[in-house]
Amino acid sequence: MAYVRKKRTGSFGNYYYQLVESRRVDGQPRQKVLLHLGEHHTVDAALKKWPRKIKKLLGEAARLRDGVPAGFEEAWGMKTFHKDNMKRAASLENQAHHLEDKLARLRAFQERSA
């Protein structure tokens, strides 16, 4: 049986949510985290907001990659700026791809549960 579990982080009282499956192993209850939902307290909330977040991350990455006009990356001071922007863009794209993977797993889980 799967359910959403609320977890508290640190002493500041911030919460995050996990999709957890409960089962018995050798007569003892065991919980297995299927997916971290982050700030979303329901599966439906994550399914609704993650596609928007992916689009936002990819858009920001594209903006950073296209932010320096052609030829300016060689200008004084622009080389470092351009390099930093490329690193940030790659990081945002990695976040988006990780979230796409989580979204696919969540959709597959939802289909199996239906």
C-alpha atoms as a PDB file:
ATOM      1  CA  MET A   1       0.000   0.000   0.000  1.00  0.00           C
ATOM      2  CA  ALA A   2       1.402   3.407  -0.973  1.00  0.00           C
ATOM      3  CA  TYR A   3       0.758   6.694   0.768  1.00  0.00           C
ATOM      4  CA  VAL A   4       2.261  10.161   1.135  1.00  0.00           C
ATOM      5  CA  ARG A   5       4.397  10.683   4.223  1.00  0.00           C
ATOM      6  CA  LYS A   6       5.208  14.103   5.674  1.00  0.00           C
ATOM      7  CA  LYS A   7       8.807  14.596   6.844  1.00  0.00           C
ATOM      8  CA  ARG A   8      10.332  17.464   8.775  1.00  0.00           C
ATOM      9  CA  THR A   9      13.774  18.809   7.950  1.00  0.00           C
ATOM     10  CA  GLY A  10      16.062  20.308  10.541  1.00  0.00           C
ATOM     11  CA  SER A  11      14.967  22.451  13.422  1.00  0.00           C
ATOM     12  CA  PHE A  12      13.293  25.105  11.278  1.00  0.00           C
ATOM     13  CA  GLY A  13      10.123  23.101  10.772  1.00  0.00           C
ATOM     14  CA  ASN A  14      10.308  22.882   7.001  1.00  0.00           C
ATOM     15  CA  TYR A  15       8.424  19.915   5.592  1.00  0.00           C
ATOM     16  CA  TYR A  16       8.736  17.775   2.517  1.00  0.00           C
ATOM     17  CA  TYR A  17       6.731  14.818   1.285  1.00  0.00           C
ATOM     18  CA  GLN A  18       7.555  11.305   0.116  1.00  0.00           C
ATOM     19  CA  LEU A  19       5.533   8.677  -1.686  1.00  0.00           C
ATOM     20  CA  VAL A  20       6.070   5.597   0.475  1.00  0.00           C
ATOM     21  CA  GLU A  21       5.110   1.946   0.165  1.00  0.00           C
ATOM     22  CA  SER A  22       4.504  -0.074   3.296  1.00  0.00           C
ATOM     23  CA  ARG A  23       5.012  -3.840   3.427  1.00  0.00           C
ATOM     24  CA  ARG A  24       5.902  -6.548   5.907  1.00  0.00           C
ATOM     25  CA  VAL A  25       9.267  -8.287   5.872  1.00  0.00           C
ATOM     26  CA  ASP A  26       9.685 -11.202   8.281  1.00  0.00           C
ATOM     27  CA  GLY A  27       6.522 -10.065  10.047  1.00  0.00           C
ATOM     28  CA  GLN A  28       7.886  -6.542  10.623  1.00  0.00           C
ATOM     29  CA  PRO A  29       6.559  -3.410   8.883  1.00  0.00           C
ATOM     30  CA  ARG A  30       8.997  -1.818   6.455  1.00  0.00           C
ATOM     31  CA  GLN A  31       8.641   1.374   4.471  1.00  0.00           C
ATOM     32  CA  LYS A  32      10.239   1.974   1.111  1.00  0.00           C
ATOM     33  CA  VAL A  33      10.433   5.463  -0.374  1.00  0.00           C
ATOM     34  CA  LEU A  34       9.161   5.256  -3.936  1.00  0.00           C
ATOM     35  CA  LEU A  35       9.590   8.925  -4.813  1.00  0.00           C
ATOM     36  CA  HIS A  36      10.385  12.226  -3.145  1.00  0.00           C
ATOM     37  CA  LEU A  37       7.586  14.714  -3.826  1.00  0.00           C
ATOM     38  CA  GLY A  38       9.385  17.683  -2.294  1.00  0.00           C
ATOM     39  CA  GLU A  39       6.999  20.470  -1.288  1.00  0.00           C
ATOM     40  CA  HIS A  40       3.967  18.834  -2.936  1.00  0.00           C
ATOM     41  CA  HIS A  41       1.715  17.176  -0.373  1.00  0.00           C
ATOM     42  CA  THR A  42      -0.216  15.087  -2.896  1.00  0.00           C
ATOM     43  CA  VAL A  43       0.616  13.112  -6.014  1.00  0.00           C
ATOM     44  CA  ASP A  44      -1.857  15.240  -7.983  1.00  0.00           C
ATOM     45  CA  ALA A  45      -0.141  18.459  -6.890  1.00  0.00           C
ATOM     46  CA  ALA A  46       3.223  17.138  -8.104  1.00  0.00           C
ATOM     47  CA  LEU A  47       1.706  15.954 -11.400  1.00  0.00           C
ATOM     48  CA  LYS A  48       0.219  19.409 -11.920  1.00  0.00           C
ATOM     49  CA  LYS A  49       3.234  21.536 -10.986  1.00  0.00           C
ATOM     50  CA  TRP A  50       6.249  19.516 -12.154  1.00  0.00           C
ATOM     51  CA  PRO A  51       5.608  20.036 -15.903  1.00  0.00           C
ATOM     52  CA  ARG A  52       5.511  23.804 -15.291  1.00  0.00           C
ATOM     53  CA  LYS A  53       8.716  23.628 -13.257  1.00  0.00           C
ATOM     54  CA  ILE A  54      10.451  21.647 -16.026  1.00  0.00           C
ATOM     55  CA  LYS A  55       9.392  24.222 -18.610  1.00  0.00           C
ATOM     56  CA  LYS A  56      10.611  27.057 -16.371  1.00  0.00           C
ATOM     57  CA  LEU A  57      14.009  25.404 -15.768  1.00  0.00           C
ATOM     58  CA  LEU A  58      14.571  24.720 -19.472  1.00  0.00           C
ATOM     59  CA  GLY A  59      13.488  28.257 -20.385  1.00  0.00           C
ATOM     60  CA  GLU A  60      15.905  29.778 -17.890  1.00  0.00           C
ATOM     61  CA  ALA A  61      18.708  27.539 -19.195  1.00  0.00           C
ATOM     62  CA  ALA A  62      18.002  28.656 -22.764  1.00  0.00           C
ATOM     63  CA  ARG A  63      17.959  32.305 -21.677  1.00  0.00           C
ATOM     64  CA  LEU A  64      21.371  31.897 -20.039  1.00  0.00           C
ATOM     65  CA  ARG A  65      22.833  30.117 -23.065  1.00  0.00           C
ATOM     66  CA  ASP A  66      21.541  32.785 -25.451  1.00  0.00           C
ATOM     67  CA  GLY A  67      22.328  35.712 -23.138  1.00  0.00           C
ATOM     68  CA  VAL A  68      25.707  36.569 -24.632  1.00  0.00           C
ATOM     69  CA  PRO A  69      25.611  37.780 -28.234  1.00  0.00           C
ATOM     70  CA  ALA A  70      27.869  36.020 -30.729  1.00  0.00           C
ATOM     71  CA  GLY A  71      31.438  37.267 -30.576  1.00  0.00           C
ATOM     72  CA  PHE A  72      31.080  38.864 -27.129  1.00  0.00           C
ATOM     73  CA  GLU A  73      32.366  35.790 -25.285  1.00  0.00           C
ATOM     74  CA  GLU A  74      35.878  36.833 -26.374  1.00  0.00           C
ATOM     75  CA  ALA A  75      35.489  40.413 -25.101  1.00  0.00           C
ATOM     76  CA  TRP A  76      37.219  41.509 -21.913  1.00  0.00           C
ATOM     77  CA  GLY A  77      35.385  40.090 -18.887  1.00  0.00           C
ATOM     78  CA  MET A  78      32.767  38.397 -20.998  1.00  0.00           C
ATOM     79  CA  LYS A  79      34.657  35.115 -21.290  1.00  0.00           C
ATOM     80  CA  THR A  80      34.272  34.371 -17.576  1.00  0.00           C
ATOM     81  CA  PHE A  81      30.683  35.625 -17.598  1.00  0.00           C
ATOM     82  CA  HIS A  82      29.865  33.379 -20.573  1.00  0.00           C
ATOM     83  CA  LYS A  83      31.569  30.368 -18.946  1.00  0.00           C
ATOM     84  CA  ASP A  84      29.621  30.893 -15.698  1.00  0.00           C
ATOM     85  CA  ASN A  85      26.358  31.185 -17.621  1.00  0.00           C
ATOM     86  CA  MET A  86      27.071  27.936 -19.456  1.00  0.00           C
ATOM     87  CA  LYS A  87      27.682  26.177 -16.114  1.00  0.00           C
ATOM     88  CA  ARG A  88      24.419  27.556 -14.679  1.00  0.00           C
ATOM     89  CA  ALA A  89      22.527  26.565 -17.822  1.00  0.00           C
ATOM     90  CA  ALA A  90      23.903  23.019 -17.651  1.00  0.00           C
ATOM     91  CA  SER A  91      22.913  22.783 -13.990  1.00  0.00           C
ATOM     92  CA  LEU A  92      19.364  23.958 -14.744  1.00  0.00           C
ATOM     93  CA  GLU A  93      19.076  21.461 -17.593  1.00  0.00           C
ATOM     94  CA  ASN A  94      20.240  18.657 -15.292  1.00  0.00           C
ATOM     95  CA  GLN A  95      17.601  19.668 -12.746  1.00  0.00           C
ATOM     96  CA  ALA A  96      14.938  19.662 -15.459  1.00  0.00           C
ATOM     97  CA  HIS A  97      15.974  16.201 -16.722  1.00  0.00           C
ATOM     98  CA  HIS A  98      15.997  14.815 -13.182  1.00  0.00           C
ATOM     99  CA  LEU A  99      12.497  16.207 -12.637  1.00  0.00           C
ATOM    100  CA  GLU A 100      11.357  14.738 -15.986  1.00  0.00           C
ATOM    101  CA  ASP A 101      12.546  11.315 -14.802  1.00  0.00           C
ATOM    102  CA  LYS A 102      10.678  11.708 -11.511  1.00  0.00           C
ATOM    103  CA  LEU A 103       7.549  12.798 -13.376  1.00  0.00           C
ATOM    104  CA  ALA A 104       7.718   9.739 -15.635  1.00  0.00           C
ATOM    105  CA  ARG A 105       8.105   7.436 -12.608  1.00  0.00           C
ATOM    106  CA  LEU A 106       5.194   9.131 -10.851  1.00  0.00           C
ATOM    107  CA  ARG A 107       2.952   8.776 -13.906  1.00  0.00           C
ATOM    108  CA  ALA A 108       3.918   5.103 -14.243  1.00  0.00           C
ATOM    109  CA  PHE A 109       3.141   4.530 -10.567  1.00  0.00           C
ATOM    110  CA  GLN A 110      -0.215   6.263 -10.941  1.00  0.00           C
ATOM    111  CA  GLU A 111      -1.098   4.077 -13.954  1.00  0.00           C
ATOM    112  CA  ARG A 112      -0.181   0.894 -12.059  1.00  0.00           C
ATOM    113  CA  SER A 113      -2.282   1.982  -9.074  1.00  0.00           C
ATOM    114  CA  ALA A 114      -5.370   2.807 -11.136  1.00  0.00           C
END
